[in-house]
Amino acid sequence: MNKIKNADPLIIKKRIIDLLNPLITTYLKKESIQLLLQKDKIVFGDDKLDITEDILNIFNSKHKKINFE
């Protein structure tokens, strides 16, 4: 845990994004989703369209530990 506390936040963010991008791309192709929007930019939307939980579950199942070095 100390390694994470001492790591540069930008490096941590970049590492997580690098791990998320291929998972999201694969998910979008598999589900035939052609457009992905940031949740905080949407004024109104059906909660059934939110894929956040799906992506987090996939991420967590594939990445039990993340190396930030």
C-alpha atoms as a PDB file:
ATOM      1  CA  MET A   1       0.000   0.000   0.000  1.00  0.00           C
ATOM      2  CA  ASN A   2       2.871   2.413   0.719  1.00  0.00           C
ATOM      3  CA  LYS A   3       4.001   2.133  -2.893  1.00  0.00           C
ATOM      4  CA  ILE A   4       0.661   3.535  -4.035  1.00  0.00           C
ATOM      5  CA  LYS A   5       0.799   6.377  -1.501  1.00  0.00           C
ATOM      6  CA  ASN A   6       4.246   7.370  -2.762  1.00  0.00           C
ATOM      7  CA  ALA A   7       3.445   6.981  -6.459  1.00  0.00           C
ATOM      8  CA  ASP A   8       2.796   9.945  -8.721  1.00  0.00           C
ATOM      9  CA  PRO A   9      -1.009  10.364  -9.138  1.00  0.00           C
ATOM     10  CA  LEU A  10      -0.570  10.955 -12.870  1.00  0.00           C
ATOM     11  CA  ILE A  11       1.288   7.666 -13.232  1.00  0.00           C
ATOM     12  CA  ILE A  12      -1.454   5.868 -11.307  1.00  0.00           C
ATOM     13  CA  LYS A  13      -4.184   7.428 -13.462  1.00  0.00           C
ATOM     14  CA  LYS A  14      -2.335   6.627 -16.689  1.00  0.00           C
ATOM     15  CA  ARG A  15      -1.753   3.018 -15.639  1.00  0.00           C
ATOM     16  CA  ILE A  16      -5.432   2.479 -14.825  1.00  0.00           C
ATOM     17  CA  ILE A  17      -6.535   4.105 -18.097  1.00  0.00           C
ATOM     18  CA  ASP A  18      -4.044   1.950 -20.019  1.00  0.00           C
ATOM     19  CA  LEU A  19      -5.617  -1.128 -18.435  1.00  0.00           C
ATOM     20  CA  LEU A  20      -9.200   0.064 -18.928  1.00  0.00           C
ATOM     21  CA  ASN A  21      -9.000   1.099 -22.586  1.00  0.00           C
ATOM     22  CA  PRO A  22      -8.693  -2.383 -24.136  1.00  0.00           C
ATOM     23  CA  LEU A  23     -11.408  -3.727 -21.824  1.00  0.00           C
ATOM     24  CA  ILE A  24     -13.791  -0.948 -22.821  1.00  0.00           C
ATOM     25  CA  THR A  25     -12.984  -1.353 -26.521  1.00  0.00           C
ATOM     26  CA  THR A  26     -13.634  -5.102 -26.365  1.00  0.00           C
ATOM     27  CA  TYR A  27     -16.868  -4.573 -24.416  1.00  0.00           C
ATOM     28  CA  LEU A  28     -18.140  -1.980 -26.894  1.00  0.00           C
ATOM     29  CA  LYS A  29     -17.464  -4.287 -29.851  1.00  0.00           C
ATOM     30  CA  LYS A  30     -19.016  -7.294 -28.127  1.00  0.00           C
ATOM     31  CA  GLU A  31     -22.163  -5.368 -27.214  1.00  0.00           C
ATOM     32  CA  SER A  32     -22.329  -3.520 -30.580  1.00  0.00           C
ATOM     33  CA  ILE A  33     -22.092  -0.144 -28.848  1.00  0.00           C
ATOM     34  CA  GLN A  34     -21.007   2.570 -31.246  1.00  0.00           C
ATOM     35  CA  LEU A  35     -20.880   5.573 -28.940  1.00  0.00           C
ATOM     36  CA  LEU A  36     -19.647   6.013 -25.381  1.00  0.00           C
ATOM     37  CA  LEU A  37     -20.375   9.203 -23.446  1.00  0.00           C
ATOM     38  CA  GLN A  38     -19.046  10.460 -20.133  1.00  0.00           C
ATOM     39  CA  LYS A  39     -21.712  10.084 -17.485  1.00  0.00           C
ATOM     40  CA  ASP A  40     -21.188  13.578 -16.071  1.00  0.00           C
ATOM     41  CA  LYS A  41     -21.834  15.142 -19.501  1.00  0.00           C
ATOM     42  CA  ILE A  42     -25.311  13.608 -19.911  1.00  0.00           C
ATOM     43  CA  VAL A  43     -28.333  15.673 -18.956  1.00  0.00           C
ATOM     44  CA  PHE A  44     -30.784  12.775 -19.092  1.00  0.00           C
ATOM     45  CA  GLY A  45     -30.386   9.092 -19.782  1.00  0.00           C
ATOM     46  CA  ASP A  46     -31.868   5.729 -18.962  1.00  0.00           C
ATOM     47  CA  ASP A  47     -29.936   3.945 -16.197  1.00  0.00           C
ATOM     48  CA  LYS A  48     -30.134   0.735 -18.269  1.00  0.00           C
ATOM     49  CA  LEU A  49     -27.592   2.312 -20.643  1.00  0.00           C
ATOM     50  CA  ASP A  50     -24.985   2.799 -17.904  1.00  0.00           C
ATOM     51  CA  ILE A  51     -22.160   0.271 -18.449  1.00  0.00           C
ATOM     52  CA  THR A  52     -20.009   1.433 -15.519  1.00  0.00           C
ATOM     53  CA  GLU A  53     -20.776  -1.565 -13.298  1.00  0.00           C
ATOM     54  CA  ASP A  54     -20.139  -4.014 -16.152  1.00  0.00           C
ATOM     55  CA  ILE A  55     -16.761  -2.448 -16.938  1.00  0.00           C
ATOM     56  CA  LEU A  56     -15.731  -2.358 -13.274  1.00  0.00           C
ATOM     57  CA  ASN A  57     -16.653  -6.027 -12.841  1.00  0.00           C
ATOM     58  CA  ILE A  58     -14.602  -6.992 -15.897  1.00  0.00           C
ATOM     59  CA  PHE A  59     -11.684  -4.847 -14.730  1.00  0.00           C
ATOM     60  CA  ASN A  60     -11.753  -6.309 -11.223  1.00  0.00           C
ATOM     61  CA  SER A  61     -11.912  -9.875 -12.500  1.00  0.00           C
ATOM     62  CA  LYS A  62      -8.890  -9.354 -14.776  1.00  0.00           C
ATOM     63  CA  HIS A  63      -6.741  -7.198 -12.501  1.00  0.00           C
ATOM     64  CA  LYS A  64      -6.484  -8.460  -8.940  1.00  0.00           C
ATOM     65  CA  LYS A  65      -3.255  -6.503  -8.431  1.00  0.00           C
ATOM     66  CA  ILE A  66      -1.869  -3.552 -10.361  1.00  0.00           C
ATOM     67  CA  ASN A  67       1.811  -2.705 -10.540  1.00  0.00           C
ATOM     68  CA  PHE A  68       2.301   1.066 -10.410  1.00  0.00           C
ATOM     69  CA  GLU A  69       6.064   1.008 -10.750  1.00  0.00           C
END
